[in-house]
């Protein structure tokens, strides 16, 4: 229990993951909101949604890791708006066919209300992470590294995340 983020109810790895997702939700709020809008718009149109849909629709500025999309589905599921319907293999080559969650609509009226309450600030293109100065860097559980495979920092980070 040396890690102050441990809650005593789950493994320390799970606690660190939740703390990292909470941090991303705060410091990448605009990106997370845009990702949630993508999921809900797709689900309301009658299609399932995955992280692949979010990454295809929300363009990230250089230097921002797509791991910032981590909290996108979680918050909507916790609110009872969507539910996880298993997994499928990602279609993104960089993700090496790893499983991604398939999201389905749980409550249409809640989804429509969420979209009304969270309009896309299309004129506000501050997705570059400038809010990190207010919230601090990403936690060690979710290091900010290049997503390029040849990046030495990325390789070292992946070795430490096993």
C-alpha atoms as a PDB file:
ATOM      1  CA  UNK A   1       0.000   0.000   0.000  1.00  0.00           C
ATOM      2  CA  UNK A   2       2.915   2.352  -0.610  1.00  0.00           C
ATOM      3  CA  UNK A   3       1.042   3.988  -3.473  1.00  0.00           C
ATOM      4  CA  UNK A   4      -1.266   6.690  -2.102  1.00  0.00           C
ATOM      5  CA  UNK A   5      -3.712   5.992  -4.932  1.00  0.00           C
ATOM      6  CA  UNK A   6      -4.474   2.471  -3.718  1.00  0.00           C
ATOM      7  CA  UNK A   7      -7.998   2.191  -2.391  1.00  0.00           C
ATOM      8  CA  UNK A   8      -7.756  -1.177  -0.669  1.00  0.00           C
ATOM      9  CA  UNK A   9     -10.654  -2.549  -2.712  1.00  0.00           C
ATOM     10  CA  UNK A  10      -8.799  -3.460  -5.878  1.00  0.00           C
ATOM     11  CA  UNK A  11      -5.339  -4.290  -7.122  1.00  0.00           C
ATOM     12  CA  UNK A  12      -2.871  -1.445  -7.068  1.00  0.00           C
ATOM     13  CA  UNK A  13      -2.630  -1.710 -10.869  1.00  0.00           C
ATOM     14  CA  UNK A  14      -6.364  -1.136 -11.209  1.00  0.00           C
ATOM     15  CA  UNK A  15      -6.186   1.819  -8.817  1.00  0.00           C
ATOM     16  CA  UNK A  16      -3.349   3.388 -10.812  1.00  0.00           C
ATOM     17  CA  UNK A  17      -5.323   2.881 -14.027  1.00  0.00           C
ATOM     18  CA  UNK A  18      -8.390   4.581 -12.549  1.00  0.00           C
ATOM     19  CA  UNK A  19      -6.265   7.460 -11.239  1.00  0.00           C
ATOM     20  CA  UNK A  20      -4.704   7.910 -14.688  1.00  0.00           C
ATOM     21  CA  UNK A  21      -8.119   7.891 -16.389  1.00  0.00           C
ATOM     22  CA  UNK A  22      -9.424  10.415 -13.847  1.00  0.00           C
ATOM     23  CA  UNK A  23      -6.434  12.649 -14.576  1.00  0.00           C
ATOM     24  CA  UNK A  24      -6.951  12.397 -18.338  1.00  0.00           C
ATOM     25  CA  UNK A  25     -10.612  13.268 -17.907  1.00  0.00           C
ATOM     26  CA  UNK A  26      -9.555  16.560 -16.310  1.00  0.00           C
ATOM     27  CA  UNK A  27      -6.526  17.592 -18.349  1.00  0.00           C
ATOM     28  CA  UNK A  28      -7.859  16.413 -21.745  1.00  0.00           C
ATOM     29  CA  UNK A  29     -11.505  17.352 -21.127  1.00  0.00           C
ATOM     30  CA  UNK A  30     -12.167  18.846 -24.578  1.00  0.00           C
ATOM     31  CA  UNK A  31     -10.779  15.773 -26.317  1.00  0.00           C
ATOM     32  CA  UNK A  32     -12.784  13.438 -24.065  1.00  0.00           C
ATOM     33  CA  UNK A  33     -16.001  15.388 -24.725  1.00  0.00           C
ATOM     34  CA  UNK A  34     -15.410  15.232 -28.479  1.00  0.00           C
ATOM     35  CA  UNK A  35     -14.752  11.497 -28.243  1.00  0.00           C
ATOM     36  CA  UNK A  36     -17.952  10.975 -26.269  1.00  0.00           C
ATOM     37  CA  UNK A  37     -19.906  12.944 -28.837  1.00  0.00           C
ATOM     38  CA  UNK A  38     -18.541  10.678 -31.596  1.00  0.00           C
ATOM     39  CA  UNK A  39     -19.617   7.550 -29.723  1.00  0.00           C
ATOM     40  CA  UNK A  40     -23.101   8.879 -28.965  1.00  0.00           C
ATOM     41  CA  UNK A  41     -23.734  10.226 -32.456  1.00  0.00           C
ATOM     42  CA  UNK A  42     -22.732   6.876 -33.938  1.00  0.00           C
ATOM     43  CA  UNK A  43     -24.876   4.923 -31.476  1.00  0.00           C
ATOM     44  CA  UNK A  44     -27.878   7.201 -32.018  1.00  0.00           C
ATOM     45  CA  UNK A  45     -27.518   6.544 -35.763  1.00  0.00           C
ATOM     46  CA  UNK A  46     -27.957   2.837 -35.022  1.00  0.00           C
ATOM     47  CA  UNK A  47     -24.345   1.663 -35.268  1.00  0.00           C
ATOM     48  CA  UNK A  48     -22.062   0.137 -32.633  1.00  0.00           C
ATOM     49  CA  UNK A  49     -19.063   2.260 -31.614  1.00  0.00           C
ATOM     50  CA  UNK A  50     -15.445   1.539 -30.701  1.00  0.00           C
ATOM     51  CA  UNK A  51     -12.259   3.444 -29.959  1.00  0.00           C
ATOM     52  CA  UNK A  52     -11.457   3.113 -33.662  1.00  0.00           C
ATOM     53  CA  UNK A  53     -14.449   5.343 -34.476  1.00  0.00           C
ATOM     54  CA  UNK A  54     -13.280   7.939 -31.972  1.00  0.00           C
ATOM     55  CA  UNK A  55      -9.705   7.957 -33.233  1.00  0.00           C
ATOM     56  CA  UNK A  56     -10.866   8.260 -36.838  1.00  0.00           C
ATOM     57  CA  UNK A  57     -13.111  11.239 -36.050  1.00  0.00           C
ATOM     58  CA  UNK A  58     -11.125  13.240 -33.479  1.00  0.00           C
ATOM     59  CA  UNK A  59      -7.840  14.508 -34.847  1.00  0.00           C
ATOM     60  CA  UNK A  60      -5.212  14.966 -32.170  1.00  0.00           C
ATOM     61  CA  UNK A  61      -2.567  17.668 -32.298  1.00  0.00           C
ATOM     62  CA  UNK A  62       1.065  16.568 -32.631  1.00  0.00           C
ATOM     63  CA  UNK A  63       2.502  15.279 -29.378  1.00  0.00           C
ATOM     64  CA  UNK A  64      -0.833  14.227 -27.832  1.00  0.00           C
ATOM     65  CA  UNK A  65      -1.082  10.480 -27.287  1.00  0.00           C
ATOM     66  CA  UNK A  66      -4.284   8.703 -28.337  1.00  0.00           C
ATOM     67  CA  UNK A  67      -4.270   7.183 -24.864  1.00  0.00           C
ATOM     68  CA  UNK A  68      -6.091  10.378 -23.851  1.00  0.00           C
ATOM     69  CA  UNK A  69      -9.227   8.695 -25.259  1.00  0.00           C
ATOM     70  CA  UNK A  70      -9.090   6.183 -22.389  1.00  0.00           C
ATOM     71  CA  UNK A  71     -11.872   7.733 -20.295  1.00  0.00           C
ATOM     72  CA  UNK A  72     -14.268   8.290 -23.217  1.00  0.00           C
ATOM     73  CA  UNK A  73     -16.455   5.201 -22.848  1.00  0.00           C
ATOM     74  CA  UNK A  74     -16.076   4.805 -19.094  1.00  0.00           C
ATOM     75  CA  UNK A  75     -17.946   7.974 -18.120  1.00  0.00           C
ATOM     76  CA  UNK A  76     -20.852   7.287 -20.462  1.00  0.00           C
ATOM     77  CA  UNK A  77     -21.136   3.706 -19.206  1.00  0.00           C
ATOM     78  CA  UNK A  78     -21.048   4.834 -15.566  1.00  0.00           C
ATOM     79  CA  UNK A  79     -23.890   7.236 -16.370  1.00  0.00           C
ATOM     80  CA  UNK A  80     -25.974   4.375 -17.801  1.00  0.00           C
ATOM     81  CA  UNK A  81     -25.977   5.859 -21.297  1.00  0.00           C
ATOM     82  CA  UNK A  82     -23.991   3.113 -23.035  1.00  0.00           C
ATOM     83  CA  UNK A  83     -22.948  -0.437 -22.224  1.00  0.00           C
ATOM     84  CA  UNK A  84     -20.031  -2.658 -23.208  1.00  0.00           C
ATOM     85  CA  UNK A  85     -21.041  -5.454 -25.574  1.00  0.00           C
ATOM     86  CA  UNK A  86     -17.813  -7.425 -25.649  1.00  0.00           C
ATOM     87  CA  UNK A  87     -14.779  -6.685 -27.749  1.00  0.00           C
ATOM     88  CA  UNK A  88     -13.537  -6.847 -31.317  1.00  0.00           C
ATOM     89  CA  UNK A  89     -10.087  -6.518 -32.852  1.00  0.00           C
ATOM     90  CA  UNK A  90      -9.038  -2.991 -33.634  1.00  0.00           C
ATOM     91  CA  UNK A  91      -8.674  -2.062 -37.282  1.00  0.00           C
ATOM     92  CA  UNK A  92      -5.828   0.380 -36.560  1.00  0.00           C
ATOM     93  CA  UNK A  93      -2.482  -1.102 -37.685  1.00  0.00           C
ATOM     94  CA  UNK A  94      -0.536   0.634 -34.884  1.00  0.00           C
ATOM     95  CA  UNK A  95      -2.724  -1.145 -32.314  1.00  0.00           C
ATOM     96  CA  UNK A  96      -1.710  -4.617 -33.571  1.00  0.00           C
ATOM     97  CA  UNK A  97      -5.197  -6.194 -33.582  1.00  0.00           C
ATOM     98  CA  UNK A  98      -5.648  -5.733 -29.836  1.00  0.00           C
ATOM     99  CA  UNK A  99      -9.179  -5.998 -28.474  1.00  0.00           C
ATOM    100  CA  UNK A 100     -11.268  -2.839 -28.153  1.00  0.00           C
ATOM    101  CA  UNK A 101     -14.610  -2.496 -26.429  1.00  0.00           C
ATOM    102  CA  UNK A 102     -17.748  -2.489 -28.570  1.00  0.00           C
ATOM    103  CA  UNK A 103     -20.198   0.055 -27.145  1.00  0.00           C
ATOM    104  CA  UNK A 104     -23.992  -0.100 -27.507  1.00  0.00           C
ATOM    105  CA  UNK A 105     -26.679   2.408 -26.613  1.00  0.00           C
ATOM    106  CA  UNK A 106     -28.381   1.774 -23.263  1.00  0.00           C
ATOM    107  CA  UNK A 107     -30.614   4.848 -22.991  1.00  0.00           C
ATOM    108  CA  UNK A 108     -31.517   6.973 -26.014  1.00  0.00           C
ATOM    109  CA  UNK A 109     -33.042   9.850 -24.054  1.00  0.00           C
ATOM    110  CA  UNK A 110     -30.010  10.092 -21.744  1.00  0.00           C
ATOM    111  CA  UNK A 111     -27.722  10.092 -24.794  1.00  0.00           C
ATOM    112  CA  UNK A 112     -29.672  12.884 -26.455  1.00  0.00           C
ATOM    113  CA  UNK A 113     -29.667  14.888 -23.218  1.00  0.00           C
ATOM    114  CA  UNK A 114     -25.921  14.379 -22.774  1.00  0.00           C
ATOM    115  CA  UNK A 115     -25.289  15.717 -26.282  1.00  0.00           C
ATOM    116  CA  UNK A 116     -27.516  18.733 -25.595  1.00  0.00           C
ATOM    117  CA  UNK A 117     -25.682  19.405 -22.322  1.00  0.00           C
ATOM    118  CA  UNK A 118     -22.220  19.018 -23.879  1.00  0.00           C
ATOM    119  CA  UNK A 119     -22.105  20.906 -27.191  1.00  0.00           C
ATOM    120  CA  UNK A 120     -18.991  20.575 -29.316  1.00  0.00           C
ATOM    121  CA  UNK A 121     -16.955  23.733 -29.102  1.00  0.00           C
ATOM    122  CA  UNK A 122     -15.881  23.506 -32.749  1.00  0.00           C
ATOM    123  CA  UNK A 123     -14.630  27.093 -32.657  1.00  0.00           C
ATOM    124  CA  UNK A 124     -12.434  26.215 -29.677  1.00  0.00           C
ATOM    125  CA  UNK A 125      -9.539  24.251 -31.139  1.00  0.00           C
ATOM    126  CA  UNK A 126      -7.451  24.223 -27.956  1.00  0.00           C
ATOM    127  CA  UNK A 127      -6.839  20.493 -28.032  1.00  0.00           C
ATOM    128  CA  UNK A 128      -3.072  20.854 -27.746  1.00  0.00           C
ATOM    129  CA  UNK A 129      -2.925  20.082 -24.070  1.00  0.00           C
ATOM    130  CA  UNK A 130      -2.315  23.623 -22.871  1.00  0.00           C
ATOM    131  CA  UNK A 131      -4.527  22.813 -19.889  1.00  0.00           C
ATOM    132  CA  UNK A 132      -1.795  20.432 -18.698  1.00  0.00           C
ATOM    133  CA  UNK A 133       0.019  23.446 -17.299  1.00  0.00           C
ATOM    134  CA  UNK A 134      -2.908  23.839 -14.897  1.00  0.00           C
ATOM    135  CA  UNK A 135      -3.192  20.152 -14.003  1.00  0.00           C
ATOM    136  CA  UNK A 136       0.383  18.890 -14.190  1.00  0.00           C
ATOM    137  CA  UNK A 137       1.853  16.193 -16.412  1.00  0.00           C
ATOM    138  CA  UNK A 138       0.257  12.827 -16.899  1.00  0.00           C
ATOM    139  CA  UNK A 139       0.736  10.403 -14.061  1.00  0.00           C
ATOM    140  CA  UNK A 140       3.454   7.745 -14.298  1.00  0.00           C
ATOM    141  CA  UNK A 141       0.713   5.143 -14.801  1.00  0.00           C
ATOM    142  CA  UNK A 142      -0.120   6.833 -18.102  1.00  0.00           C
ATOM    143  CA  UNK A 143       3.181   8.284 -19.331  1.00  0.00           C
ATOM    144  CA  UNK A 144       3.155  10.803 -22.141  1.00  0.00           C
ATOM    145  CA  UNK A 145       5.416   9.380 -24.831  1.00  0.00           C
ATOM    146  CA  UNK A 146       5.566   9.360 -28.576  1.00  0.00           C
ATOM    147  CA  UNK A 147       3.307   6.808 -30.244  1.00  0.00           C
ATOM    148  CA  UNK A 148       5.895   6.169 -32.945  1.00  0.00           C
ATOM    149  CA  UNK A 149       7.226   2.592 -32.734  1.00  0.00           C
ATOM    150  CA  UNK A 150      10.836   3.662 -33.221  1.00  0.00           C
ATOM    151  CA  UNK A 151      10.724   6.020 -30.251  1.00  0.00           C
ATOM    152  CA  UNK A 152      13.181   4.850 -27.589  1.00  0.00           C
ATOM    153  CA  UNK A 153      11.039   6.486 -24.897  1.00  0.00           C
ATOM    154  CA  UNK A 154       7.979   4.603 -26.140  1.00  0.00           C
ATOM    155  CA  UNK A 155       9.797   1.255 -26.174  1.00  0.00           C
ATOM    156  CA  UNK A 156      11.121   1.830 -22.657  1.00  0.00           C
ATOM    157  CA  UNK A 157       7.664   2.843 -21.493  1.00  0.00           C
ATOM    158  CA  UNK A 158       6.064  -0.293 -22.972  1.00  0.00           C
ATOM    159  CA  UNK A 159       8.660  -2.513 -21.292  1.00  0.00           C
ATOM    160  CA  UNK A 160       7.781  -0.944 -17.947  1.00  0.00           C
ATOM    161  CA  UNK A 161       4.017  -1.419 -18.492  1.00  0.00           C
ATOM    162  CA  UNK A 162       4.135  -5.242 -18.798  1.00  0.00           C
END
